[in-house]
Amino acid sequence: MEETILAQSVTITSVLLLAAMLLAFIRLIKGPDAADRIVAIDLISVLIVALLAVLAIDADETSFLDVAIAYALVAFLGTVALARFRMRIGAKRGRGAQTTRRGP
């Protein structure tokens, strides 16, 4: 009985995670701004880590958790790099649009 509940839970969770990935992928494609796309990529990476955790539970194999931790670290660093790149581009655009200051 416990095994069937676990199997059903893993199946339902996997389907929901894959549906969430599909929705995040749609936001990645349709995103009106680069910030939306960065958030969508980050969300997809978090969902992949969650899916790896579910697969570790299903397969009763802890090596999936090691892969999930390594993937989460790389995904976090990639998201930070993209956000800093986006911030740097925004600062360059903002600097060109500034008007001359009139001091006191």
PDB file of N, CA and C in Angstrom:
ATOM      1  N   MET A   1       0.818  -1.195   0.000  1.00  0.00           N
ATOM      2  CA  MET A   1       0.000   0.000   0.000  1.00  0.00           C
ATOM      3  C   MET A   1       0.865   1.264   0.000  1.00  0.00           C
ATOM      4  N   GLU A   2       1.911   1.272   0.851  1.00  0.00           N
ATOM      5  CA  GLU A   2       2.774   2.438   0.916  1.00  0.00           C
ATOM      6  C   GLU A   2       3.515   2.652  -0.395  1.00  0.00           C
ATOM      7  N   GLU A   3       3.891   1.563  -1.052  1.00  0.00           N
ATOM      8  CA  GLU A   3       4.605   1.678  -2.324  1.00  0.00           C
ATOM      9  C   GLU A   3       3.711   2.269  -3.408  1.00  0.00           C
ATOM     10  N   THR A   4       2.455   1.932  -3.416  1.00  0.00           N
ATOM     11  CA  THR A   4       1.563   2.484  -4.435  1.00  0.00           C
ATOM     12  C   THR A   4       1.323   3.971  -4.185  1.00  0.00           C
ATOM     13  N   ILE A   5       1.227   4.372  -2.924  1.00  0.00           N
ATOM     14  CA  ILE A   5       1.063   5.798  -2.621  1.00  0.00           C
ATOM     15  C   ILE A   5       2.299   6.564  -3.048  1.00  0.00           C
ATOM     16  N   LEU A   6       3.481   5.999  -2.780  1.00  0.00           N
ATOM     17  CA  LEU A   6       4.722   6.643  -3.180  1.00  0.00           C
ATOM     18  C   LEU A   6       4.826   6.722  -4.700  1.00  0.00           C
ATOM     19  N   ALA A   7       4.472   5.658  -5.381  1.00  0.00           N
ATOM     20  CA  ALA A   7       4.539   5.655  -6.845  1.00  0.00           C
ATOM     21  C   ALA A   7       3.562   6.665  -7.440  1.00  0.00           C
ATOM     22  N   GLN A   8       2.366   6.733  -6.886  1.00  0.00           N
ATOM     23  CA  GLN A   8       1.396   7.707  -7.372  1.00  0.00           C
ATOM     24  C   GLN A   8       1.850   9.133  -7.086  1.00  0.00           C
ATOM     25  N   SER A   9       2.428   9.346  -5.921  1.00  0.00           N
ATOM     26  CA  SER A   9       2.922  10.681  -5.578  1.00  0.00           C
ATOM     27  C   SER A   9       4.054  11.110  -6.501  1.00  0.00           C
ATOM     28  N   VAL A  10       4.950  10.192  -6.796  1.00  0.00           N
ATOM     29  CA  VAL A  10       6.057  10.499  -7.707  1.00  0.00           C
ATOM     30  C   VAL A  10       5.528  10.821  -9.101  1.00  0.00           C
ATOM     31  N   THR A  11       4.558  10.070  -9.557  1.00  0.00           N
ATOM     32  CA  THR A  11       3.990  10.305 -10.887  1.00  0.00           C
ATOM     33  C   THR A  11       3.293  11.665 -10.947  1.00  0.00           C
ATOM     34  N   ILE A  12       2.475  11.958  -9.961  1.00  0.00           N
ATOM     35  CA  ILE A  12       1.752  13.237  -9.943  1.00  0.00           C
ATOM     36  C   ILE A  12       2.734  14.405  -9.845  1.00  0.00           C
ATOM     37  N   THR A  13       3.726  14.268  -8.986  1.00  0.00           N
ATOM     38  CA  THR A  13       4.713  15.334  -8.827  1.00  0.00           C
ATOM     39  C   THR A  13       5.506  15.550 -10.106  1.00  0.00           C
ATOM     40  N   SER A  14       5.888  14.471 -10.759  1.00  0.00           N
ATOM     41  CA  SER A  14       6.639  14.586 -12.018  1.00  0.00           C
ATOM     42  C   SER A  14       5.818  15.282 -13.095  1.00  0.00           C
ATOM     43  N   VAL A  15       4.551  14.929 -13.190  1.00  0.00           N
ATOM     44  CA  VAL A  15       3.685  15.556 -14.188  1.00  0.00           C
ATOM     45  C   VAL A  15       3.519  17.046 -13.894  1.00  0.00           C
ATOM     46  N   LEU A  16       3.315  17.390 -12.636  1.00  0.00           N
ATOM     47  CA  LEU A  16       3.160  18.800 -12.276  1.00  0.00           C
ATOM     48  C   LEU A  16       4.442  19.590 -12.519  1.00  0.00           C
ATOM     49  N   LEU A  17       5.589  19.009 -12.210  1.00  0.00           N
ATOM     50  CA  LEU A  17       6.855  19.686 -12.468  1.00  0.00           C
ATOM     51  C   LEU A  17       7.092  19.882 -13.966  1.00  0.00           C
ATOM     52  N   LEU A  18       6.760  18.880 -14.757  1.00  0.00           N
ATOM     53  CA  LEU A  18       6.916  19.012 -16.205  1.00  0.00           C
ATOM     54  C   LEU A  18       5.950  20.055 -16.774  1.00  0.00           C
ATOM     55  N   ALA A  19       4.746  20.135 -16.233  1.00  0.00           N
ATOM     56  CA  ALA A  19       3.799  21.159 -16.681  1.00  0.00           C
ATOM     57  C   ALA A  19       4.308  22.556 -16.317  1.00  0.00           C
ATOM     58  N   ALA A  20       4.870  22.679 -15.127  1.00  0.00           N
ATOM     59  CA  ALA A  20       5.441  23.963 -14.722  1.00  0.00           C
ATOM     60  C   ALA A  20       6.626  24.336 -15.611  1.00  0.00           C
ATOM     61  N   MET A  21       7.430  23.345 -15.993  1.00  0.00           N
ATOM     62  CA  MET A  21       8.548  23.608 -16.909  1.00  0.00           C
ATOM     63  C   MET A  21       8.047  24.083 -18.267  1.00  0.00           C
ATOM     64  N   LEU A  22       6.972  23.494 -18.731  1.00  0.00           N
ATOM     65  CA  LEU A  22       6.390  23.906 -20.010  1.00  0.00           C
ATOM     66  C   LEU A  22       5.915  25.354 -19.936  1.00  0.00           C
ATOM     67  N   LEU A  23       5.241  25.712 -18.864  1.00  0.00           N
ATOM     68  CA  LEU A  23       4.778  27.087 -18.709  1.00  0.00           C
ATOM     69  C   LEU A  23       5.945  28.066 -18.597  1.00  0.00           C
ATOM     70  N   ALA A  24       6.994  27.665 -17.882  1.00  0.00           N
ATOM     71  CA  ALA A  24       8.175  28.530 -17.771  1.00  0.00           C
ATOM     72  C   ALA A  24       8.876  28.654 -19.116  1.00  0.00           C
ATOM     73  N   PHE A  25       8.885  27.588 -19.898  1.00  0.00           N
ATOM     74  CA  PHE A  25       9.489  27.641 -21.229  1.00  0.00           C
ATOM     75  C   PHE A  25       8.709  28.576 -22.148  1.00  0.00           C
ATOM     76  N   ILE A  26       7.399  28.578 -22.014  1.00  0.00           N
ATOM     77  CA  ILE A  26       6.583  29.516 -22.793  1.00  0.00           C
ATOM     78  C   ILE A  26       6.917  30.953 -22.396  1.00  0.00           C
ATOM     79  N   ARG A  27       7.089  31.202 -21.105  1.00  0.00           N
ATOM     80  CA  ARG A  27       7.470  32.543 -20.656  1.00  0.00           C
ATOM     81  C   ARG A  27       8.870  32.892 -21.165  1.00  0.00           C
ATOM     82  N   LEU A  28       9.732  31.902 -21.257  1.00  0.00           N
ATOM     83  CA  LEU A  28      11.077  32.140 -21.778  1.00  0.00           C
ATOM     84  C   LEU A  28      11.018  32.597 -23.229  1.00  0.00           C
ATOM     85  N   ILE A  29      10.138  32.016 -23.998  1.00  0.00           N
ATOM     86  CA  ILE A  29      10.022  32.376 -25.415  1.00  0.00           C
ATOM     87  C   ILE A  29       9.267  33.692 -25.585  1.00  0.00           C
ATOM     88  N   LYS A  30       8.151  33.862 -24.870  1.00  0.00           N
ATOM     89  CA  LYS A  30       7.298  35.038 -25.060  1.00  0.00           C
ATOM     90  C   LYS A  30       7.707  36.239 -24.238  1.00  0.00           C
ATOM     91  N   GLY A  31       8.589  36.048 -23.259  1.00  0.00           N
ATOM     92  CA  GLY A  31       8.927  37.113 -22.324  1.00  0.00           C
ATOM     93  C   GLY A  31       9.168  38.444 -22.997  1.00  0.00           C
ATOM     94  N   PRO A  32       8.447  39.479 -22.608  1.00  0.00           N
ATOM     95  CA  PRO A  32       8.610  40.761 -23.292  1.00  0.00           C
ATOM     96  C   PRO A  32       9.934  41.445 -22.960  1.00  0.00           C
ATOM     97  N   ASP A  33      10.571  41.049 -21.883  1.00  0.00           N
ATOM     98  CA  ASP A  33      11.791  41.722 -21.452  1.00  0.00           C
ATOM     99  C   ASP A  33      12.852  40.674 -21.140  1.00  0.00           C
ATOM    100  N   ALA A  34      14.101  41.097 -21.156  1.00  0.00           N
ATOM    101  CA  ALA A  34      15.197  40.184 -20.839  1.00  0.00           C
ATOM    102  C   ALA A  34      15.124  39.726 -19.382  1.00  0.00           C
ATOM    103  N   ALA A  35      14.634  40.576 -18.499  1.00  0.00           N
ATOM    104  CA  ALA A  35      14.500  40.185 -17.092  1.00  0.00           C
ATOM    105  C   ALA A  35      13.511  39.024 -16.934  1.00  0.00           C
ATOM    106  N   ASP A  36      12.426  39.036 -17.706  1.00  0.00           N
ATOM    107  CA  ASP A  36      11.474  37.928 -17.668  1.00  0.00           C
ATOM    108  C   ASP A  36      12.125  36.632 -18.127  1.00  0.00           C
ATOM    109  N   ARG A  37      12.962  36.731 -19.119  1.00  0.00           N
ATOM    110  CA  ARG A  37      13.644  35.540 -19.629  1.00  0.00           C
ATOM    111  C   ARG A  37      14.647  35.004 -18.611  1.00  0.00           C
ATOM    112  N   ILE A  38      15.331  35.882 -17.908  1.00  0.00           N
ATOM    113  CA  ILE A  38      16.285  35.445 -16.880  1.00  0.00           C
ATOM    114  C   ILE A  38      15.545  34.736 -15.749  1.00  0.00           C
ATOM    115  N   VAL A  39      14.414  35.275 -15.341  1.00  0.00           N
ATOM    116  CA  VAL A  39      13.620  34.644 -14.282  1.00  0.00           C
ATOM    117  C   VAL A  39      13.082  33.298 -14.758  1.00  0.00           C
ATOM    118  N   ALA A  40      12.681  33.200 -16.013  1.00  0.00           N
ATOM    119  CA  ALA A  40      12.181  31.933 -16.556  1.00  0.00           C
ATOM    120  C   ALA A  40      13.285  30.880 -16.580  1.00  0.00           C
ATOM    121  N   ILE A  41      14.495  31.271 -16.958  1.00  0.00           N
ATOM    122  CA  ILE A  41      15.618  30.326 -16.958  1.00  0.00           C
ATOM    123  C   ILE A  41      15.908  29.854 -15.535  1.00  0.00           C
ATOM    124  N   ASP A  42      15.867  30.773 -14.594  1.00  0.00           N
ATOM    125  CA  ASP A  42      16.104  30.406 -13.200  1.00  0.00           C
ATOM    126  C   ASP A  42      15.016  29.466 -12.695  1.00  0.00           C
ATOM    127  N   LEU A  43      13.783  29.748 -13.043  1.00  0.00           N
ATOM    128  CA  LEU A  43      12.674  28.876 -12.633  1.00  0.00           C
ATOM    129  C   LEU A  43      12.819  27.481 -13.230  1.00  0.00           C
ATOM    130  N   ILE A  44      13.194  27.406 -14.488  1.00  0.00           N
ATOM    131  CA  ILE A  44      13.382  26.102 -15.127  1.00  0.00           C
ATOM    132  C   ILE A  44      14.490  25.327 -14.429  1.00  0.00           C
ATOM    133  N   SER A  45      15.560  26.010 -14.056  1.00  0.00           N
ATOM    134  CA  SER A  45      16.653  25.305 -13.372  1.00  0.00           C
ATOM    135  C   SER A  45      16.216  24.805 -11.989  1.00  0.00           C
ATOM    136  N   VAL A  46      15.419  25.589 -11.280  1.00  0.00           N
ATOM    137  CA  VAL A  46      14.908  25.136  -9.982  1.00  0.00           C
ATOM    138  C   VAL A  46      13.978  23.931 -10.165  1.00  0.00           C
ATOM    139  N   LEU A  47      13.163  23.965 -11.202  1.00  0.00           N
ATOM    140  CA  LEU A  47      12.266  22.834 -11.461  1.00  0.00           C
ATOM    141  C   LEU A  47      13.038  21.584 -11.854  1.00  0.00           C
ATOM    142  N   ILE A  48      14.147  21.745 -12.557  1.00  0.00           N
ATOM    143  CA  ILE A  48      14.981  20.592 -12.900  1.00  0.00           C
ATOM    144  C   ILE A  48      15.590  19.988 -11.638  1.00  0.00           C
ATOM    145  N   VAL A  49      16.035  20.836 -10.726  1.00  0.00           N
ATOM    146  CA  VAL A  49      16.578  20.331  -9.460  1.00  0.00           C
ATOM    147  C   VAL A  49      15.494  19.574  -8.695  1.00  0.00           C
ATOM    148  N   ALA A  50      14.283  20.101  -8.672  1.00  0.00           N
ATOM    149  CA  ALA A  50      13.178  19.410  -7.995  1.00  0.00           C
ATOM    150  C   ALA A  50      12.865  18.080  -8.674  1.00  0.00           C
ATOM    151  N   LEU A  51      12.914  18.063  -9.998  1.00  0.00           N
ATOM    152  CA  LEU A  51      12.659  16.811 -10.724  1.00  0.00           C
ATOM    153  C   LEU A  51      13.751  15.786 -10.434  1.00  0.00           C
ATOM    154  N   LEU A  52      14.984  16.227 -10.332  1.00  0.00           N
ATOM    155  CA  LEU A  52      16.062  15.303  -9.971  1.00  0.00           C
ATOM    156  C   LEU A  52      15.868  14.743  -8.566  1.00  0.00           C
ATOM    157  N   ALA A  53      15.356  15.558  -7.658  1.00  0.00           N
ATOM    158  CA  ALA A  53      15.073  15.069  -6.305  1.00  0.00           C
ATOM    159  C   ALA A  53      13.954  14.030  -6.320  1.00  0.00           C
ATOM    160  N   VAL A  54      12.944  14.273  -7.135  1.00  0.00           N
ATOM    161  CA  VAL A  54      11.849  13.298  -7.263  1.00  0.00           C
ATOM    162  C   VAL A  54      12.361  12.000  -7.873  1.00  0.00           C
ATOM    163  N   LEU A  55      13.235  12.112  -8.870  1.00  0.00           N
ATOM    164  CA  LEU A  55      13.813  10.903  -9.468  1.00  0.00           C
ATOM    165  C   LEU A  55      14.688  10.151  -8.473  1.00  0.00           C
ATOM    166  N   ALA A  56      15.367  10.868  -7.592  1.00  0.00           N
ATOM    167  CA  ALA A  56      16.168  10.212  -6.559  1.00  0.00           C
ATOM    168  C   ALA A  56      15.283   9.420  -5.606  1.00  0.00           C
ATOM    169  N   ILE A  57      14.127   9.980  -5.289  1.00  0.00           N
ATOM    170  CA  ILE A  57      13.186   9.268  -4.424  1.00  0.00           C
ATOM    171  C   ILE A  57      12.625   8.050  -5.147  1.00  0.00           C
ATOM    172  N   ASP A  58      12.276   8.220  -6.410  1.00  0.00           N
ATOM    173  CA  ASP A  58      11.678   7.130  -7.179  1.00  0.00           C
ATOM    174  C   ASP A  58      12.667   5.989  -7.398  1.00  0.00           C
ATOM    175  N   ALA A  59      13.888   6.314  -7.751  1.00  0.00           N
ATOM    176  CA  ALA A  59      14.879   5.281  -8.047  1.00  0.00           C
ATOM    177  C   ALA A  59      15.593   4.788  -6.797  1.00  0.00           C
ATOM    178  N   ASP A  60      15.374   5.459  -5.657  1.00  0.00           N
ATOM    179  CA  ASP A  60      16.053   5.135  -4.409  1.00  0.00           C
ATOM    180  C   ASP A  60      17.573   5.158  -4.607  1.00  0.00           C
ATOM    181  N   GLU A  61      18.012   6.201  -5.312  1.00  0.00           N
ATOM    182  CA  GLU A  61      19.427   6.372  -5.653  1.00  0.00           C
ATOM    183  C   GLU A  61      19.857   7.775  -5.233  1.00  0.00           C
ATOM    184  N   THR A  62      20.833   7.848  -4.333  1.00  0.00           N
ATOM    185  CA  THR A  62      21.253   9.152  -3.817  1.00  0.00           C
ATOM    186  C   THR A  62      22.166   9.909  -4.775  1.00  0.00           C
ATOM    187  N   SER A  63      22.676   9.259  -5.797  1.00  0.00           N
ATOM    188  CA  SER A  63      23.570   9.956  -6.730  1.00  0.00           C
ATOM    189  C   SER A  63      22.821  11.043  -7.508  1.00  0.00           C
ATOM    190  N   PHE A  64      21.519  10.914  -7.669  1.00  0.00           N
ATOM    191  CA  PHE A  64      20.729  11.960  -8.309  1.00  0.00           C
ATOM    192  C   PHE A  64      20.756  13.251  -7.488  1.00  0.00           C
ATOM    193  N   LEU A  65      20.825  13.108  -6.175  1.00  0.00           N
ATOM    194  CA  LEU A  65      20.887  14.290  -5.312  1.00  0.00           C
ATOM    195  C   LEU A  65      22.218  15.018  -5.471  1.00  0.00           C
ATOM    196  N   ASP A  66      23.301  14.252  -5.666  1.00  0.00           N
ATOM    197  CA  ASP A  66      24.597  14.882  -5.920  1.00  0.00           C
ATOM    198  C   ASP A  66      24.566  15.681  -7.218  1.00  0.00           C
ATOM    199  N   VAL A  67      23.957  15.106  -8.230  1.00  0.00           N
ATOM    200  CA  VAL A  67      23.824  15.800  -9.511  1.00  0.00           C
ATOM    201  C   VAL A  67      22.947  17.041  -9.343  1.00  0.00           C
ATOM    202  N   ALA A  68      21.880  16.928  -8.559  1.00  0.00           N
ATOM    203  CA  ALA A  68      20.979  18.063  -8.333  1.00  0.00           C
ATOM    204  C   ALA A  68      21.701  19.202  -7.624  1.00  0.00           C
ATOM    205  N   ILE A  69      22.537  18.881  -6.652  1.00  0.00           N
ATOM    206  CA  ILE A  69      23.281  19.927  -5.937  1.00  0.00           C
ATOM    207  C   ILE A  69      24.267  20.613  -6.867  1.00  0.00           C
ATOM    208  N   ALA A  70      24.986  19.833  -7.656  1.00  0.00           N
ATOM    209  CA  ALA A  70      25.947  20.418  -8.600  1.00  0.00           C
ATOM    210  C   ALA A  70      25.236  21.268  -9.649  1.00  0.00           C
ATOM    211  N   TYR A  71      24.113  20.787 -10.148  1.00  0.00           N
ATOM    212  CA  TYR A  71      23.356  21.541 -11.142  1.00  0.00           C
ATOM    213  C   TYR A  71      22.804  22.836 -10.544  1.00  0.00           C
ATOM    214  N   ALA A  72      22.340  22.773  -9.305  1.00  0.00           N
ATOM    215  CA  ALA A  72      21.813  23.980  -8.653  1.00  0.00           C
ATOM    216  C   ALA A  72      22.903  25.025  -8.483  1.00  0.00           C
ATOM    217  N   LEU A  73      24.098  24.600  -8.146  1.00  0.00           N
ATOM    218  CA  LEU A  73      25.204  25.536  -7.983  1.00  0.00           C
ATOM    219  C   LEU A  73      25.555  26.206  -9.308  1.00  0.00           C
ATOM    220  N   VAL A  74      25.661  25.411 -10.366  1.00  0.00           N
ATOM    221  CA  VAL A  74      25.985  25.968 -11.683  1.00  0.00           C
ATOM    222  C   VAL A  74      24.861  26.879 -12.177  1.00  0.00           C
ATOM    223  N   ALA A  75      23.626  26.480 -11.969  1.00  0.00           N
ATOM    224  CA  ALA A  75      22.490  27.295 -12.410  1.00  0.00           C
ATOM    225  C   ALA A  75      22.441  28.613 -11.646  1.00  0.00           C
ATOM    226  N   PHE A  76      22.730  28.578 -10.358  1.00  0.00           N
ATOM    227  CA  PHE A  76      22.741  29.810  -9.565  1.00  0.00           C
ATOM    228  C   PHE A  76      23.821  30.764 -10.064  1.00  0.00           C
ATOM    229  N   LEU A  77      24.996  30.244 -10.306  1.00  0.00           N
ATOM    230  CA  LEU A  77      26.076  31.089 -10.813  1.00  0.00           C
ATOM    231  C   LEU A  77      25.738  31.658 -12.190  1.00  0.00           C
ATOM    232  N   GLY A  78      25.103  30.865 -13.021  1.00  0.00           N
ATOM    233  CA  GLY A  78      24.687  31.360 -14.336  1.00  0.00           C
ATOM    234  C   GLY A  78      23.644  32.453 -14.235  1.00  0.00           C
ATOM    235  N   THR A  79      22.703  32.300 -13.326  1.00  0.00           N
ATOM    236  CA  THR A  79      21.676  33.320 -13.138  1.00  0.00           C
ATOM    237  C   THR A  79      22.281  34.619 -12.620  1.00  0.00           C
ATOM    238  N   VAL A  80      23.203  34.506 -11.686  1.00  0.00           N
ATOM    239  CA  VAL A  80      23.860  35.698 -11.163  1.00  0.00           C
ATOM    240  C   VAL A  80      24.659  36.393 -12.271  1.00  0.00           C
ATOM    241  N   ALA A  81      25.348  35.612 -13.089  1.00  0.00           N
ATOM    242  CA  ALA A  81      26.119  36.192 -14.186  1.00  0.00           C
ATOM    243  C   ALA A  81      25.208  36.903 -15.185  1.00  0.00           C
ATOM    244  N   LEU A  82      24.085  36.296 -15.529  1.00  0.00           N
ATOM    245  CA  LEU A  82      23.144  36.933 -16.451  1.00  0.00           C
ATOM    246  C   LEU A  82      22.554  38.208 -15.859  1.00  0.00           C
ATOM    247  N   ALA A  83      22.228  38.167 -14.580  1.00  0.00           N
ATOM    248  CA  ALA A  83      21.659  39.356 -13.941  1.00  0.00           C
ATOM    249  C   ALA A  83      22.686  40.493 -13.889  1.00  0.00           C
ATOM    250  N   ARG A  84      23.931  40.175 -13.582  1.00  0.00           N
ATOM    251  CA  ARG A  84      24.968  41.211 -13.558  1.00  0.00           C
ATOM    252  C   ARG A  84      25.210  41.778 -14.955  1.00  0.00           C
ATOM    253  N   PHE A  85      25.178  40.902 -15.957  1.00  0.00           N
ATOM    254  CA  PHE A  85      25.339  41.360 -17.335  1.00  0.00           C
ATOM    255  C   PHE A  85      24.207  42.298 -17.718  1.00  0.00           C
ATOM    256  N   ARG A  86      23.001  41.930 -17.355  1.00  0.00           N
ATOM    257  CA  ARG A  86      21.831  42.756 -17.642  1.00  0.00           C
ATOM    258  C   ARG A  86      21.925  44.098 -16.909  1.00  0.00           C
ATOM    259  N   MET A  87      22.401  44.075 -15.669  1.00  0.00           N
ATOM    260  CA  MET A  87      22.539  45.297 -14.901  1.00  0.00           C
ATOM    261  C   MET A  87      23.611  46.205 -15.523  1.00  0.00           C
ATOM    262  N   ARG A  88      24.683  45.614 -16.003  1.00  0.00           N
ATOM    263  CA  ARG A  88      25.753  46.388 -16.612  1.00  0.00           C
ATOM    264  C   ARG A  88      25.272  47.044 -17.912  1.00  0.00           C
ATOM    265  N   ILE A  89      24.497  46.324 -18.707  1.00  0.00           N
ATOM    266  CA  ILE A  89      23.948  46.907 -19.942  1.00  0.00           C
ATOM    267  C   ILE A  89      22.979  48.037 -19.603  1.00  0.00           C
ATOM    268  N   GLY A  90      22.150  47.842 -18.587  1.00  0.00           N
ATOM    269  CA  GLY A  90      21.220  48.889 -18.175  1.00  0.00           C
ATOM    270  C   GLY A  90      21.939  50.123 -17.684  1.00  0.00           C
ATOM    271  N   ALA A  91      23.057  49.945 -16.998  1.00  0.00           N
ATOM    272  CA  ALA A  91      23.820  51.091 -16.506  1.00  0.00           C
ATOM    273  C   ALA A  91      24.443  51.859 -17.666  1.00  0.00           C
ATOM    274  N   LYS A  92      24.907  51.138 -18.685  1.00  0.00           N
ATOM    275  CA  LYS A  92      25.492  51.816 -19.847  1.00  0.00           C
ATOM    276  C   LYS A  92      24.434  52.608 -20.601  1.00  0.00           C
ATOM    277  N   ARG A  93      23.256  52.032 -20.742  1.00  0.00           N
ATOM    278  CA  ARG A  93      22.180  52.751 -21.434  1.00  0.00           C
ATOM    279  C   ARG A  93      21.722  53.956 -20.637  1.00  0.00           C
ATOM    280  N   GLY A  94      21.660  53.818 -19.329  1.00  0.00           N
ATOM    281  CA  GLY A  94      21.240  54.915 -18.466  1.00  0.00           C
ATOM    282  C   GLY A  94      22.240  56.050 -18.453  1.00  0.00           C
ATOM    283  N   ARG A  95      23.521  55.724 -18.540  1.00  0.00           N
ATOM    284  CA  ARG A  95      24.554  56.746 -18.530  1.00  0.00           C
ATOM    285  C   ARG A  95      24.497  57.595 -19.796  1.00  0.00           C
ATOM    286  N   GLY A  96      24.156  56.984 -20.914  1.00  0.00           N
ATOM    287  CA  GLY A  96      24.074  57.735 -22.171  1.00  0.00           C
ATOM    288  C   GLY A  96      22.859  58.631 -22.236  1.00  0.00           C
ATOM    289  N   ALA A  97      21.829  58.313 -21.461  1.00  0.00           N
ATOM    290  CA  ALA A  97      20.586  59.082 -21.516  1.00  0.00           C
ATOM    291  C   ALA A  97      20.535  60.190 -20.464  1.00  0.00           C
ATOM    292  N   GLN A  98      21.568  60.285 -19.632  1.00  0.00           N
ATOM    293  CA  GLN A  98      21.549  61.305 -18.588  1.00  0.00           C
ATOM    294  C   GLN A  98      21.739  62.700 -19.201  1.00  0.00           C
ATOM    295  N   THR A  99      21.059  63.632 -18.593  1.00  0.00           N
ATOM    296  CA  THR A  99      21.229  65.025 -18.997  1.00  0.00           C
ATOM    297  C   THR A  99      22.285  65.669 -18.122  1.00  0.00           C
ATOM    298  N   THR A 100      22.736  66.820 -18.527  1.00  0.00           N
ATOM    299  CA  THR A 100      23.746  67.511 -17.737  1.00  0.00           C
ATOM    300  C   THR A 100      23.137  68.002 -16.445  1.00  0.00           C
ATOM    301  N   ARG A 101      23.912  67.939 -15.388  1.00  0.00           N
ATOM    302  CA  ARG A 101      23.420  68.355 -14.066  1.00  0.00           C
ATOM    303  C   ARG A 101      23.591  69.859 -13.909  1.00  0.00           C
ATOM    304  N   ARG A 102      22.650  70.398 -13.216  1.00  0.00           N
ATOM    305  CA  ARG A 102      22.765  71.806 -12.818  1.00  0.00           C
ATOM    306  C   ARG A 102      22.984  71.828 -11.320  1.00  0.00           C
ATOM    307  N   GLY A 103      24.196  72.092 -10.927  1.00  0.00           N
ATOM    308  CA  GLY A 103      24.554  72.066  -9.509  1.00  0.00           C
ATOM    309  C   GLY A 103      24.041  73.283  -8.766  1.00  0.00           C
ATOM    310  N   PRO A 104      24.034  73.199  -7.434  1.00  0.00           N
ATOM    311  CA  PRO A 104      23.547  74.312  -6.596  1.00  0.00           C
ATOM    312  C   PRO A 104      24.496  75.480  -6.583  1.00  0.00           C
TER     313      PRO A 104
END
